[in-house]
Amino acid sequence: MSSFSFLYVFLCVFFVQFHHTLQSTPPILFSFGGTGADTGGYVPASGVYIGLPYGTTFFNKGTGRYSDGRLIIDFLCESLKVKYLSPFLEALAPDFRSGANFAITGAKTTMDIWAPFSLDVQVKQFLHFQLRSLQLLSEGHKGMTTETGFNNALYMIDIGQNDLLDALYLSNLTAPPVLKKIPAMLAEIKLAVQNLYKTGAKKFWILNTGPLGCVPRELARHPHNNTDLDRIGCYKVHNDVSMAFNKGLKALCEELRSTFIDTTIVYVDTYTIKFDLFARYKSYGFTKPHKACCGYGGEPNNYNKKATCGQPGYTMCANVSQYISWDGFHYSEAANRIIASQILSTKFSTPPITLDSFWKS
């Protein structure tokens, strides 16, 4: 074989192997946000044990998730064939090979005494995680995320609902004072993206907030007349402020794309997906969309803050797969499965990019 032929064969093999390496880069995710994305961080953060009946559908034990089973992010991990994300604060046998979860139940965009793990704090925790990982890697430790891994990772942000609900309570369920606070909430999300970008993050999935006026807890906690509800029985004011926040969030994503032209920023419209669950619940196999499976009080919402799911006196439905709401505020695994499937379809994503394409050459 001539030297030219040998060089040609060598280069062909090299580029095939290099291309395969690019395609087989394992997915890594970092998650930031509140309850909907918390895979167990609230337990070590607060010391509050979240046991059965939470986790009863899939895990058969409490995992710190506020659901009967898997969350949306769990189904997204399954679609990528990676392990569920370990909470950053988990000290005992965490597995960070697929990334880490910084989301904490109750978190808001801004910090207060009741929600200390704000989005800003979560980003600072990530910065510590990144620095420590690279330090350990330089010292010869195995299984740490590399600099390339951090740069190729997907950064998911799902936050805002707690800010909106707290603002609604303070405003006595009137929208104008809440609408005035939305720009400050969006500014915190913008700052989080900017700070993550400085570390090398180039891929973002940003989820909007769902229809807060449809969940049983809100309907049970606030006396209302039919004029307070929309055509499918949800609180108008809750959903109005949710849509206003989402409109601003979508505009922010467009602004960030034009500012950071070397990034991919996907805006995910979970509001439309979740609203459709409540609006056309029968077509999805659900019954009584505004009633919690696990709670206290019976009809119409089965929610009472004095005897919530797991507390003395609570009751549980016979078939949780027929319920959108697990405990009056958090979604059931059955609902989360459908929501995740719709997200993965890309029909509700702007731009419509598939999740697995972030790790393909």
Protein backbone atom coordinates (compact mmCIF):
# COMPACT_ATOMS: atom_id res chain seq x y z
CA MET A 1 0.00 0.00 0.00
CA SER A 2 1.35 3.40 -0.98
CA SER A 3 1.92 6.07 1.65
CA PHE A 4 -0.90 8.12 0.11
CA SER A 5 -3.35 5.20 0.31
CA PHE A 6 -2.34 4.49 3.90
CA LEU A 7 -2.86 8.15 4.82
CA TYR A 8 -6.25 8.16 3.09
CA VAL A 9 -7.44 5.06 4.98
CA PHE A 10 -6.12 6.46 8.26
CA LEU A 11 -7.97 9.75 7.79
CA CYS A 12 -11.20 7.96 6.86
CA VAL A 13 -11.05 5.82 10.01
CA PHE A 14 -10.18 8.86 12.12
CA PHE A 15 -13.10 10.94 10.87
CA VAL A 16 -15.57 8.05 11.24
CA GLN A 17 -14.45 7.54 14.84
CA PHE A 18 -14.51 11.28 15.49
CA HIS A 19 -18.02 11.58 14.07
CA HIS A 20 -19.16 8.63 16.20
CA THR A 21 -17.67 10.29 19.27
CA LEU A 22 -19.61 13.46 18.58
CA GLN A 23 -22.84 11.55 18.12
CA SER A 24 -22.37 9.43 21.23
CA THR A 25 -21.70 12.32 23.62
CA PRO A 26 -23.85 11.44 26.62
CA PRO A 27 -26.61 13.94 27.44
CA ILE A 28 -26.02 16.09 30.51
CA LEU A 29 -28.76 18.27 32.00
CA PHE A 30 -28.82 20.91 34.70
CA SER A 31 -32.21 21.84 36.07
CA PHE A 32 -33.26 25.03 37.87
CA GLY A 33 -36.66 25.97 39.21
CA GLY A 34 -39.38 25.12 41.69
CA THR A 35 -41.74 22.34 42.67
CA GLY A 36 -42.48 20.97 39.23
CA ALA A 37 -38.82 20.12 38.63
CA ASP A 38 -37.72 19.18 42.17
CA THR A 39 -36.60 15.55 42.26
CA GLY A 40 -35.92 15.58 45.99
CA GLY A 41 -33.91 18.67 46.86
CA TYR A 42 -36.45 20.04 49.30
CA VAL A 43 -35.95 17.16 51.74
CA PRO A 44 -32.24 17.81 52.53
CA ALA A 45 -32.86 21.56 52.25
CA SER A 46 -35.64 21.62 54.84
CA GLY A 47 -35.37 18.39 56.79
CA VAL A 48 -39.02 17.69 55.98
CA TYR A 49 -39.57 14.05 55.09
CA ILE A 50 -41.91 13.45 52.15
CA GLY A 51 -43.00 9.82 52.39
CA LEU A 52 -45.87 7.70 51.17
CA PRO A 53 -48.42 8.17 49.72
CA TYR A 54 -46.12 10.43 47.69
CA GLY A 55 -44.27 8.17 45.26
CA THR A 56 -46.83 5.39 45.54
CA THR A 57 -47.46 4.92 41.81
CA PHE A 58 -43.95 4.34 40.48
CA PHE A 59 -41.25 4.41 43.14
CA ASN A 60 -43.30 2.69 45.88
CA LYS A 61 -41.60 5.01 48.37
CA GLY A 62 -41.17 8.69 49.06
CA THR A 63 -38.43 10.23 46.92
CA GLY A 64 -38.95 13.88 47.76
CA ARG A 65 -41.03 14.39 44.62
CA TYR A 66 -44.38 16.10 45.10
CA SER A 67 -46.31 13.60 43.01
CA ASP A 68 -47.54 10.04 43.16
CA GLY A 69 -44.76 9.12 40.74
CA ARG A 70 -42.56 10.62 38.08
CA LEU A 71 -42.28 14.28 37.15
CA ILE A 72 -41.99 15.83 33.71
CA ILE A 73 -38.22 16.01 34.03
CA ASP A 74 -38.09 12.29 34.89
CA PHE A 75 -39.86 11.43 31.64
CA LEU A 76 -37.50 13.73 29.72
CA CYS A 77 -34.54 11.88 31.24
CA GLU A 78 -36.11 8.55 30.26
CA SER A 79 -36.48 9.77 26.67
CA LEU A 80 -32.72 10.46 26.62
CA LYS A 81 -31.96 7.12 28.29
CA VAL A 82 -30.11 8.78 31.17
CA LYS A 83 -30.57 8.39 34.91
CA TYR A 84 -32.95 10.61 36.83
CA LEU A 85 -31.25 13.78 38.03
CA SER A 86 -29.93 13.72 41.58
CA PRO A 87 -30.62 16.84 43.66
CA PHE A 88 -27.54 18.98 44.19
CA LEU A 89 -28.13 18.97 47.95
CA GLU A 90 -28.34 15.18 48.26
CA ALA A 91 -25.33 14.11 50.35
CA LEU A 92 -25.86 10.33 50.35
CA ALA A 93 -25.00 8.44 47.16
CA PRO A 94 -25.88 11.08 44.57
CA ASP A 95 -25.21 10.34 40.90
CA PHE A 96 -24.20 13.41 38.92
CA ARG A 97 -23.05 11.68 35.73
CA SER A 98 -26.18 12.88 33.88
CA GLY A 99 -26.06 16.35 35.42
CA ALA A 100 -27.63 17.75 38.57
CA ASN A 101 -30.90 19.21 39.76
CA PHE A 102 -30.86 22.54 41.59
CA ALA A 103 -34.65 23.00 41.59
CA ILE A 104 -36.26 23.30 45.03
CA THR A 105 -39.93 23.15 45.98
CA GLY A 106 -41.27 26.61 46.73
CA ALA A 107 -38.44 28.42 44.95
CA LYS A 108 -39.08 31.81 43.40
CA THR A 109 -37.11 34.08 41.12
CA THR A 110 -36.29 36.24 44.14
CA MET A 111 -35.26 35.18 47.63
CA ASP A 112 -37.29 35.70 50.78
CA ILE A 113 -37.46 34.14 54.24
CA TRP A 114 -39.93 31.48 53.06
CA ALA A 115 -38.10 30.68 49.83
CA PRO A 116 -34.34 30.96 50.42
CA PHE A 117 -33.36 28.87 47.39
CA SER A 118 -34.20 31.46 44.77
CA LEU A 119 -33.12 31.17 41.15
CA ASP A 120 -30.08 33.34 41.87
CA VAL A 121 -29.04 31.05 44.73
CA GLN A 122 -29.50 27.98 42.52
CA VAL A 123 -27.22 29.48 39.88
CA LYS A 124 -24.59 30.21 42.56
CA GLN A 125 -24.87 26.60 43.71
CA PHE A 126 -24.27 25.51 40.13
CA LEU A 127 -21.16 27.70 39.92
CA HIS A 128 -19.80 25.97 43.01
CA PHE A 129 -20.72 22.57 41.56
CA GLN A 130 -18.94 23.37 38.30
CA LEU A 131 -15.81 24.71 39.98
CA ARG A 132 -15.59 21.77 42.38
CA SER A 133 -16.15 19.24 39.58
CA LEU A 134 -13.32 20.66 37.50
CA GLN A 135 -11.02 20.83 40.53
CA LEU A 136 -11.64 17.17 41.37
CA LEU A 137 -11.14 16.21 37.74
CA SER A 138 -7.76 17.95 37.71
CA GLU A 139 -6.81 15.96 40.81
CA GLY A 140 -7.46 12.68 39.02
CA HIS A 141 -10.96 11.89 40.27
CA LYS A 142 -13.14 9.92 37.85
CA GLY A 143 -16.79 10.42 36.91
CA MET A 144 -16.69 14.22 37.08
CA THR A 145 -18.33 16.41 34.44
CA THR A 146 -15.66 17.81 32.15
CA GLU A 147 -15.45 21.34 30.82
CA THR A 148 -16.71 20.02 27.49
CA GLY A 149 -19.57 18.32 29.30
CA PHE A 150 -20.60 21.60 30.95
CA ASN A 151 -20.39 23.43 27.62
CA ASN A 152 -22.49 20.81 25.83
CA ALA A 153 -25.05 20.43 28.62
CA LEU A 154 -28.66 21.56 28.42
CA TYR A 155 -29.73 24.11 31.02
CA MET A 156 -33.42 23.90 31.91
CA ILE A 157 -35.29 26.64 33.78
CA ASP A 158 -38.84 26.15 35.11
CA ILE A 159 -39.78 28.87 37.58
CA GLY A 160 -42.30 31.66 38.16
CA GLN A 161 -45.47 30.08 39.52
CA ASN A 162 -44.62 30.70 43.18
CA ASP A 163 -43.84 34.35 42.47
CA LEU A 164 -47.20 34.79 40.78
CA LEU A 165 -49.18 33.03 43.49
CA ASP A 166 -47.54 34.97 46.31
CA ALA A 167 -48.16 38.21 44.45
CA LEU A 168 -51.81 37.27 43.94
CA TYR A 169 -52.30 36.61 47.64
CA LEU A 170 -50.73 39.94 48.55
CA SER A 171 -52.90 41.75 46.03
CA ASN A 172 -56.11 40.10 47.29
CA LEU A 173 -56.53 38.35 43.93
CA THR A 174 -56.39 41.48 41.81
CA ALA A 175 -54.26 41.42 38.68
CA PRO A 176 -52.81 44.97 38.29
CA PRO A 177 -50.37 44.80 41.26
CA VAL A 178 -49.16 41.39 40.05
CA LEU A 179 -48.63 42.59 36.49
CA LYS A 180 -46.36 45.35 37.82
CA LYS A 181 -44.11 42.74 39.43
CA ILE A 182 -43.66 40.56 36.35
CA PRO A 183 -40.81 42.62 34.79
CA ALA A 184 -38.73 42.11 37.95
CA MET A 185 -39.38 38.35 37.80
CA LEU A 186 -38.30 38.22 34.17
CA ALA A 187 -35.20 40.29 34.97
CA GLU A 188 -34.09 37.57 37.41
CA ILE A 189 -34.50 34.88 34.74
CA LYS A 190 -32.54 37.01 32.29
CA LEU A 191 -29.76 37.44 34.84
CA ALA A 192 -29.66 33.69 35.44
CA VAL A 193 -29.22 33.00 31.71
CA GLN A 194 -26.53 35.68 31.46
CA ASN A 195 -24.59 34.24 34.40
CA LEU A 196 -24.85 30.69 33.09
CA TYR A 197 -23.74 31.88 29.66
CA LYS A 198 -20.60 33.34 31.21
CA THR A 199 -19.68 29.85 32.42
CA GLY A 200 -19.97 28.42 28.88
CA ALA A 201 -23.64 27.42 28.77
CA LYS A 202 -24.98 27.62 25.22
CA LYS A 203 -28.13 25.48 25.30
CA PHE A 204 -31.26 26.46 27.21
CA TRP A 205 -34.78 25.11 27.61
CA ILE A 206 -37.03 27.62 29.34
CA LEU A 207 -40.49 26.44 30.36
CA ASN A 208 -43.36 28.84 30.92
CA THR A 209 -45.85 28.54 33.79
CA GLY A 210 -49.09 26.58 33.67
CA PRO A 211 -52.72 27.67 34.23
CA LEU A 212 -52.56 28.34 37.96
CA GLY A 213 -56.28 29.00 38.14
CA CYS A 214 -57.16 25.43 37.21
CA VAL A 215 -55.58 23.54 40.09
CA PRO A 216 -57.92 22.32 42.88
CA ARG A 217 -56.00 24.06 45.67
CA GLU A 218 -56.59 27.53 44.29
CA LEU A 219 -60.27 26.86 43.63
CA ALA A 220 -60.72 25.47 47.16
CA ARG A 221 -58.82 28.20 49.00
CA HIS A 222 -60.62 31.19 47.49
CA PRO A 223 -64.42 31.59 47.60
CA HIS A 224 -65.69 32.49 44.15
CA ASN A 225 -68.69 33.18 42.00
CA ASN A 226 -69.24 31.84 38.52
CA THR A 227 -68.18 35.24 37.18
CA ASP A 228 -64.71 34.62 38.65
CA LEU A 229 -64.29 31.48 36.54
CA ASP A 230 -63.61 30.97 32.86
CA ARG A 231 -65.44 28.63 30.49
CA ILE A 232 -63.76 25.50 31.87
CA GLY A 233 -64.13 26.37 35.55
CA CYS A 234 -60.70 27.90 36.22
CA TYR A 235 -59.94 31.13 38.06
CA LYS A 236 -59.70 33.90 35.46
CA VAL A 237 -57.36 36.17 37.40
CA HIS A 238 -54.85 33.37 38.05
CA ASN A 239 -54.74 32.40 34.40
CA ASP A 240 -54.64 36.02 33.23
CA VAL A 241 -51.47 36.75 35.20
CA SER A 242 -50.00 33.39 34.11
CA MET A 243 -50.52 34.31 30.46
CA ALA A 244 -49.09 37.79 31.02
CA PHE A 245 -45.97 36.28 32.59
CA ASN A 246 -45.67 33.80 29.73
CA LYS A 247 -45.99 36.53 27.11
CA GLY A 248 -43.14 38.40 28.76
CA LEU A 249 -41.07 35.24 29.08
CA LYS A 250 -41.45 34.43 25.40
CA ALA A 251 -40.36 37.96 24.49
CA LEU A 252 -37.38 37.58 26.82
CA CYS A 253 -36.33 34.39 25.07
CA GLU A 254 -36.46 36.20 21.73
CA GLU A 255 -34.35 39.02 23.17
CA LEU A 256 -31.77 36.59 24.56
CA ARG A 257 -31.51 34.79 21.21
CA SER A 258 -30.70 38.05 19.45
CA THR A 259 -28.17 38.98 22.16
CA PHE A 260 -26.39 35.63 22.43
CA ILE A 261 -26.33 34.57 18.80
CA ASP A 262 -24.19 31.51 19.51
CA THR A 263 -26.78 30.00 21.86
CA THR A 264 -29.88 27.87 21.39
CA ILE A 265 -32.74 29.06 23.58
CA VAL A 266 -35.97 27.08 23.38
CA TYR A 267 -39.18 28.49 24.84
CA VAL A 268 -41.55 25.69 25.89
CA ASP A 269 -45.26 26.46 26.13
CA THR A 270 -46.46 24.16 28.91
CA TYR A 271 -49.41 26.47 29.61
CA THR A 272 -51.19 25.43 26.42
CA ILE A 273 -50.49 21.75 27.08
CA LYS A 274 -51.76 21.86 30.66
CA PHE A 275 -54.78 24.02 29.86
CA ASP A 276 -55.83 21.49 27.24
CA LEU A 277 -55.70 18.74 29.88
CA PHE A 278 -58.30 20.61 31.92
CA ALA A 279 -60.34 21.73 28.91
CA ARG A 280 -60.56 18.32 27.22
CA TYR A 281 -59.95 16.07 30.21
CA LYS A 282 -62.30 13.31 29.05
CA SER A 283 -60.34 12.82 25.82
CA TYR A 284 -57.25 12.13 27.92
CA GLY A 285 -59.02 9.62 30.15
CA PHE A 286 -59.36 11.89 33.19
CA THR A 287 -62.39 12.53 35.40
CA LYS A 288 -63.22 15.53 37.62
CA PRO A 289 -60.32 17.76 36.51
CA HIS A 290 -60.57 20.17 39.45
CA LYS A 291 -60.52 17.49 42.15
CA ALA A 292 -57.40 16.19 43.89
CA CYS A 293 -56.81 12.46 44.13
CA CYS A 294 -55.12 12.71 47.52
CA GLY A 295 -56.49 15.17 50.06
CA TYR A 296 -59.38 15.96 52.35
CA GLY A 297 -62.87 17.39 51.91
CA GLY A 298 -64.44 15.37 49.11
CA GLU A 299 -66.37 17.25 46.44
CA PRO A 300 -65.69 19.39 44.58
CA ASN A 301 -61.92 19.82 45.07
CA ASN A 302 -60.88 17.38 47.83
CA TYR A 303 -58.48 19.94 49.24
CA ASN A 304 -58.18 21.37 52.73
CA LYS A 305 -54.98 23.04 53.90
CA LYS A 306 -55.55 21.61 57.41
CA ALA A 307 -55.49 18.01 56.14
CA THR A 308 -53.49 17.85 52.95
CA CYS A 309 -52.29 14.67 51.27
CA GLY A 310 -50.48 12.42 53.75
CA GLN A 311 -51.71 14.18 56.87
CA PRO A 312 -54.17 12.60 59.33
CA GLY A 313 -57.66 12.40 57.87
CA TYR A 314 -56.68 12.47 54.21
CA THR A 315 -58.34 10.24 51.63
CA MET A 316 -57.06 8.91 48.34
CA CYS A 317 -58.88 8.13 45.11
CA ALA A 318 -59.19 4.56 43.83
CA ASN A 319 -57.44 5.25 40.52
CA VAL A 320 -54.95 8.11 40.40
CA SER A 321 -54.42 7.61 36.66
CA GLN A 322 -57.83 9.23 36.17
CA TYR A 323 -56.80 12.43 37.95
CA ILE A 324 -54.89 15.41 36.62
CA SER A 325 -54.07 16.65 40.11
CA TRP A 326 -52.35 14.45 42.65
CA ASP A 327 -52.63 16.50 45.84
CA GLY A 328 -54.51 19.62 44.80
CA PHE A 329 -51.55 21.56 43.47
CA HIS A 330 -49.05 19.13 41.99
CA TYR A 331 -49.76 17.03 38.91
CA SER A 332 -50.19 13.28 38.88
CA GLU A 333 -47.74 11.00 37.12
CA ALA A 334 -50.40 10.30 34.50
CA ALA A 335 -50.68 14.02 33.73
CA ASN A 336 -46.90 14.49 33.79
CA ARG A 337 -46.50 11.68 31.28
CA ILE A 338 -48.84 13.37 28.83
CA ILE A 339 -47.27 16.80 29.34
CA ALA A 340 -43.77 15.38 28.77
CA SER A 341 -44.94 13.59 25.62
CA GLN A 342 -46.37 16.80 24.24
CA ILE A 343 -43.19 18.69 25.07
CA LEU A 344 -41.11 16.07 23.29
CA SER A 345 -43.28 16.41 20.17
CA THR A 346 -41.79 19.94 19.72
CA LYS A 347 -45.26 21.25 18.75
CA PHE A 348 -45.12 23.60 21.71
CA SER A 349 -41.47 24.64 21.42
CA THR A 350 -40.03 27.78 19.86
CA PRO A 351 -37.93 26.98 17.92
CA PRO A 352 -39.20 23.39 17.43
CA ILE A 353 -35.99 21.55 18.34
CA THR A 354 -36.05 17.95 19.55
CA LEU A 355 -34.53 17.27 22.93
CA ASP A 356 -32.06 14.63 21.75
CA SER A 357 -30.77 16.85 18.93
CA PHE A 358 -28.79 18.91 21.47
CA TRP A 359 -26.24 16.08 21.61
CA LYS A 360 -26.10 15.18 17.92
CA SER A 361 -23.49 16.50 15.56
